[in-house]
Amino acid sequence: MTAQRGKDILLKIEQGAGTFVSVAGLRARTISLNARTVDATDADSAGRWRELLGGAGVKSAAVSGQGIFRDAASDALIREAFFDQTAKTWRLVVPDFGTLEGPFLVSALEYAGDHEGEATFAISLASAGEIGFAAI
């Protein structure tokens, strides 16, 4: 795999009936996939080394990004998702890797702006259910 441009990572939200729209002009993005481990070590563990129970931990995904809103409609979709605090279906497209899709809650939404610059925002998403993966 060759080096990839960070700007090619897309963040989309379902607008209805399986239609996804790109939201915001993200200038920085981070996708974190996590799995907690379950320690199954006991007195009989070989050499007293830790043993982990496979497939037993909780999996989660987190997404964060900073940028500018594309338009008033995308601003409204994200703002609505935050204030409703209901899980919306999001799609994360990482070129040459795959697509992650599933329910996320907007866990943080921040707005900022400089006197002589554009208004910016920062968003954090937390997975709220099963996340599917499809390789590209």
C-alpha atoms as a PDB file:
ATOM      1  CA  MET A   1       0.000   0.000   0.000  1.00  0.00           C
ATOM      2  CA  THR A   2       1.349   3.427  -0.898  1.00  0.00           C
ATOM      3  CA  ALA A   3       1.030   6.556   1.202  1.00  0.00           C
ATOM      4  CA  GLN A   4      -2.441   8.050   1.298  1.00  0.00           C
ATOM      5  CA  ARG A   5      -3.740  11.580   1.546  1.00  0.00           C
ATOM      6  CA  GLY A   6      -5.505  12.301   4.816  1.00  0.00           C
ATOM      7  CA  LYS A   7      -8.012  14.487   3.030  1.00  0.00           C
ATOM      8  CA  ASP A   8      -9.419  11.430   1.241  1.00  0.00           C
ATOM      9  CA  ILE A   9     -10.960  10.054   4.448  1.00  0.00           C
ATOM     10  CA  LEU A  10     -14.695  10.807   4.267  1.00  0.00           C
ATOM     11  CA  LEU A  11     -17.207  11.229   7.091  1.00  0.00           C
ATOM     12  CA  LYS A  12     -20.825  10.737   6.024  1.00  0.00           C
ATOM     13  CA  ILE A  13     -24.153  10.672   7.867  1.00  0.00           C
ATOM     14  CA  GLU A  14     -27.324   8.933   6.775  1.00  0.00           C
ATOM     15  CA  GLN A  15     -29.839  11.539   5.723  1.00  0.00           C
ATOM     16  CA  GLY A  16     -32.668   9.057   5.213  1.00  0.00           C
ATOM     17  CA  ALA A  17     -33.623   5.930   3.287  1.00  0.00           C
ATOM     18  CA  GLY A  18     -30.019   4.710   2.991  1.00  0.00           C
ATOM     19  CA  THR A  19     -28.795   7.979   1.473  1.00  0.00           C
ATOM     20  CA  PHE A  20     -25.515   9.225   2.932  1.00  0.00           C
ATOM     21  CA  VAL A  21     -24.187  12.754   2.602  1.00  0.00           C
ATOM     22  CA  SER A  22     -20.678  14.008   3.331  1.00  0.00           C
ATOM     23  CA  VAL A  23     -20.668  16.356   6.294  1.00  0.00           C
ATOM     24  CA  ALA A  24     -18.214  19.100   6.916  1.00  0.00           C
ATOM     25  CA  GLY A  25     -14.875  19.947   5.415  1.00  0.00           C
ATOM     26  CA  LEU A  26     -12.758  18.006   7.866  1.00  0.00           C
ATOM     27  CA  ARG A  27      -9.141  19.106   7.948  1.00  0.00           C
ATOM     28  CA  ALA A  28      -8.039  16.530  10.523  1.00  0.00           C
ATOM     29  CA  ARG A  29      -9.585  13.159  11.313  1.00  0.00           C
ATOM     30  CA  THR A  30      -8.885  10.264  13.659  1.00  0.00           C
ATOM     31  CA  ILE A  31     -10.572   6.862  13.732  1.00  0.00           C
ATOM     32  CA  SER A  32      -9.851   4.640  16.741  1.00  0.00           C
ATOM     33  CA  LEU A  33     -10.908   0.999  16.915  1.00  0.00           C
ATOM     34  CA  ASN A  34     -10.648  -0.548  20.375  1.00  0.00           C
ATOM     35  CA  ALA A  35     -11.238  -3.919  22.030  1.00  0.00           C
ATOM     36  CA  ARG A  36     -11.035  -4.412  25.771  1.00  0.00           C
ATOM     37  CA  THR A  37      -9.365  -7.561  26.950  1.00  0.00           C
ATOM     38  CA  VAL A  38     -10.662 -10.056  29.523  1.00  0.00           C
ATOM     39  CA  ASP A  39      -7.970 -11.466  31.784  1.00  0.00           C
ATOM     40  CA  ALA A  40      -8.439 -15.242  32.235  1.00  0.00           C
ATOM     41  CA  THR A  41      -5.183 -15.832  34.129  1.00  0.00           C
ATOM     42  CA  ASP A  42      -5.336 -18.243  37.046  1.00  0.00           C
ATOM     43  CA  ALA A  43      -2.947 -20.166  39.310  1.00  0.00           C
ATOM     44  CA  ASP A  44      -2.476 -22.844  36.625  1.00  0.00           C
ATOM     45  CA  SER A  45      -1.489 -20.416  33.839  1.00  0.00           C
ATOM     46  CA  ALA A  46       1.703 -21.606  32.133  1.00  0.00           C
ATOM     47  CA  GLY A  47       4.718 -19.855  33.630  1.00  0.00           C
ATOM     48  CA  ARG A  48       2.309 -17.468  35.374  1.00  0.00           C
ATOM     49  CA  TRP A  49       1.924 -15.563  32.123  1.00  0.00           C
ATOM     50  CA  ARG A  50      -1.237 -13.610  31.589  1.00  0.00           C
ATOM     51  CA  GLU A  51      -3.918 -15.353  29.543  1.00  0.00           C
ATOM     52  CA  LEU A  52      -6.580 -13.422  27.656  1.00  0.00           C
ATOM     53  CA  LEU A  53     -10.013 -14.744  26.801  1.00  0.00           C
ATOM     54  CA  GLY A  54     -10.451 -14.263  23.053  1.00  0.00           C
ATOM     55  CA  GLY A  55     -13.639 -12.670  21.764  1.00  0.00           C
ATOM     56  CA  ALA A  56     -14.949 -11.769  25.219  1.00  0.00           C
ATOM     57  CA  GLY A  57     -14.103  -8.061  25.450  1.00  0.00           C
ATOM     58  CA  VAL A  58     -16.175  -5.048  24.481  1.00  0.00           C
ATOM     59  CA  LYS A  59     -15.362  -3.485  21.093  1.00  0.00           C
ATOM     60  CA  SER A  60     -15.783   0.210  20.376  1.00  0.00           C
ATOM     61  CA  ALA A  61     -14.995   2.807  17.765  1.00  0.00           C
ATOM     62  CA  ALA A  62     -14.340   6.514  18.197  1.00  0.00           C
ATOM     63  CA  VAL A  63     -14.044   9.208  15.560  1.00  0.00           C
ATOM     64  CA  SER A  64     -12.856  12.769  15.961  1.00  0.00           C
ATOM     65  CA  GLY A  65     -12.257  15.562  13.538  1.00  0.00           C
ATOM     66  CA  GLN A  66     -11.807  19.292  13.134  1.00  0.00           C
ATOM     67  CA  GLY A  67     -12.709  21.488  10.212  1.00  0.00           C
ATOM     68  CA  ILE A  68     -15.295  23.770   8.683  1.00  0.00           C
ATOM     69  CA  PHE A  69     -18.913  23.054   7.791  1.00  0.00           C
ATOM     70  CA  ARG A  70     -19.596  22.525   4.097  1.00  0.00           C
ATOM     71  CA  ASP A  71     -22.939  24.293   4.234  1.00  0.00           C
ATOM     72  CA  ALA A  72     -25.890  25.107   6.497  1.00  0.00           C
ATOM     73  CA  ALA A  73     -27.506  21.716   5.787  1.00  0.00           C
ATOM     74  CA  SER A  74     -24.528  19.681   7.040  1.00  0.00           C
ATOM     75  CA  ASP A  75     -24.225  21.979  10.059  1.00  0.00           C
ATOM     76  CA  ALA A  76     -27.906  21.343  10.829  1.00  0.00           C
ATOM     77  CA  LEU A  77     -27.535  17.533  10.504  1.00  0.00           C
ATOM     78  CA  ILE A  78     -24.647  17.407  12.958  1.00  0.00           C
ATOM     79  CA  ARG A  79     -26.244  19.888  15.366  1.00  0.00           C
ATOM     80  CA  GLU A  80     -29.501  17.889  15.299  1.00  0.00           C
ATOM     81  CA  ALA A  81     -27.615  14.641  15.963  1.00  0.00           C
ATOM     82  CA  PHE A  82     -25.928  16.247  18.981  1.00  0.00           C
ATOM     83  CA  PHE A  83     -29.017  17.786  20.569  1.00  0.00           C
ATOM     84  CA  ASP A  84     -31.232  14.738  19.924  1.00  0.00           C
ATOM     85  CA  GLN A  85     -28.590  12.420  21.398  1.00  0.00           C
ATOM     86  CA  THR A  86     -29.979   9.559  19.349  1.00  0.00           C
ATOM     87  CA  ALA A  87     -27.700   7.224  17.465  1.00  0.00           C
ATOM     88  CA  LYS A  88     -27.478   8.099  13.784  1.00  0.00           C
ATOM     89  CA  THR A  89     -25.951   5.865  11.136  1.00  0.00           C
ATOM     90  CA  TRP A  90     -22.561   7.151  10.015  1.00  0.00           C
ATOM     91  CA  ARG A  91     -20.257   5.901   7.250  1.00  0.00           C
ATOM     92  CA  LEU A  92     -16.488   6.369   7.423  1.00  0.00           C
ATOM     93  CA  VAL A  93     -14.640   5.829   4.166  1.00  0.00           C
ATOM     94  CA  VAL A  94     -10.891   5.207   4.318  1.00  0.00           C
ATOM     95  CA  PRO A  95      -9.500   4.812   0.775  1.00  0.00           C
ATOM     96  CA  ASP A  96      -7.556   1.598   0.091  1.00  0.00           C
ATOM     97  CA  PHE A  97      -8.655   0.272   3.504  1.00  0.00           C
ATOM     98  CA  GLY A  98     -12.406   0.020   3.764  1.00  0.00           C
ATOM     99  CA  THR A  99     -15.691   1.416   4.966  1.00  0.00           C
ATOM    100  CA  LEU A 100     -16.906   1.423   8.559  1.00  0.00           C
ATOM    101  CA  GLU A 101     -20.637   1.901   9.041  1.00  0.00           C
ATOM    102  CA  GLY A 102     -22.940   1.856  12.026  1.00  0.00           C
ATOM    103  CA  PRO A 103     -24.626   3.844  14.780  1.00  0.00           C
ATOM    104  CA  PHE A 104     -22.697   6.611  16.503  1.00  0.00           C
ATOM    105  CA  LEU A 105     -23.599   9.300  19.034  1.00  0.00           C
ATOM    106  CA  VAL A 106     -22.144  12.785  18.776  1.00  0.00           C
ATOM    107  CA  SER A 107     -20.331  12.856  22.118  1.00  0.00           C
ATOM    108  CA  ALA A 108     -18.764  16.298  21.704  1.00  0.00           C
ATOM    109  CA  LEU A 109     -19.330  19.277  19.418  1.00  0.00           C
ATOM    110  CA  GLU A 110     -17.257  22.443  19.695  1.00  0.00           C
ATOM    111  CA  TYR A 111     -17.396  25.682  17.718  1.00  0.00           C
ATOM    112  CA  ALA A 112     -14.592  28.221  17.440  1.00  0.00           C
ATOM    113  CA  GLY A 113     -13.552  31.140  15.308  1.00  0.00           C
ATOM    114  CA  ASP A 114     -10.870  33.758  14.879  1.00  0.00           C
ATOM    115  CA  HIS A 115     -11.628  37.410  14.350  1.00  0.00           C
ATOM    116  CA  GLU A 116     -10.194  37.347  10.820  1.00  0.00           C
ATOM    117  CA  GLY A 117     -10.923  33.724   9.923  1.00  0.00           C
ATOM    118  CA  GLU A 118     -13.685  31.244   9.279  1.00  0.00           C
ATOM    119  CA  ALA A 119     -15.764  29.524  11.944  1.00  0.00           C
ATOM    120  CA  THR A 120     -14.440  26.065  12.759  1.00  0.00           C
ATOM    121  CA  PHE A 121     -15.748  23.101  14.689  1.00  0.00           C
ATOM    122  CA  ALA A 122     -14.549  19.903  16.346  1.00  0.00           C
ATOM    123  CA  ILE A 123     -16.636  16.735  16.599  1.00  0.00           C
ATOM    124  CA  SER A 124     -16.284  13.457  18.475  1.00  0.00           C
ATOM    125  CA  LEU A 125     -18.349  10.368  17.706  1.00  0.00           C
ATOM    126  CA  ALA A 126     -18.711   7.285  19.926  1.00  0.00           C
ATOM    127  CA  SER A 127     -19.983   3.971  18.590  1.00  0.00           C
ATOM    128  CA  ALA A 128     -23.444   3.063  19.869  1.00  0.00           C
ATOM    129  CA  GLY A 129     -23.887  -0.425  18.437  1.00  0.00           C
ATOM    130  CA  GLU A 130     -22.388  -2.889  16.011  1.00  0.00           C
ATOM    131  CA  ILE A 131     -20.041  -1.377  13.440  1.00  0.00           C
ATOM    132  CA  GLY A 132     -19.744  -3.155  10.112  1.00  0.00           C
ATOM    133  CA  PHE A 133     -16.622  -3.221   7.980  1.00  0.00           C
ATOM    134  CA  ALA A 134     -16.349  -3.697   4.226  1.00  0.00           C
ATOM    135  CA  ALA A 135     -12.936  -3.833   2.565  1.00  0.00           C
ATOM    136  CA  ILE A 136     -12.380  -1.663  -0.500  1.00  0.00           C
END
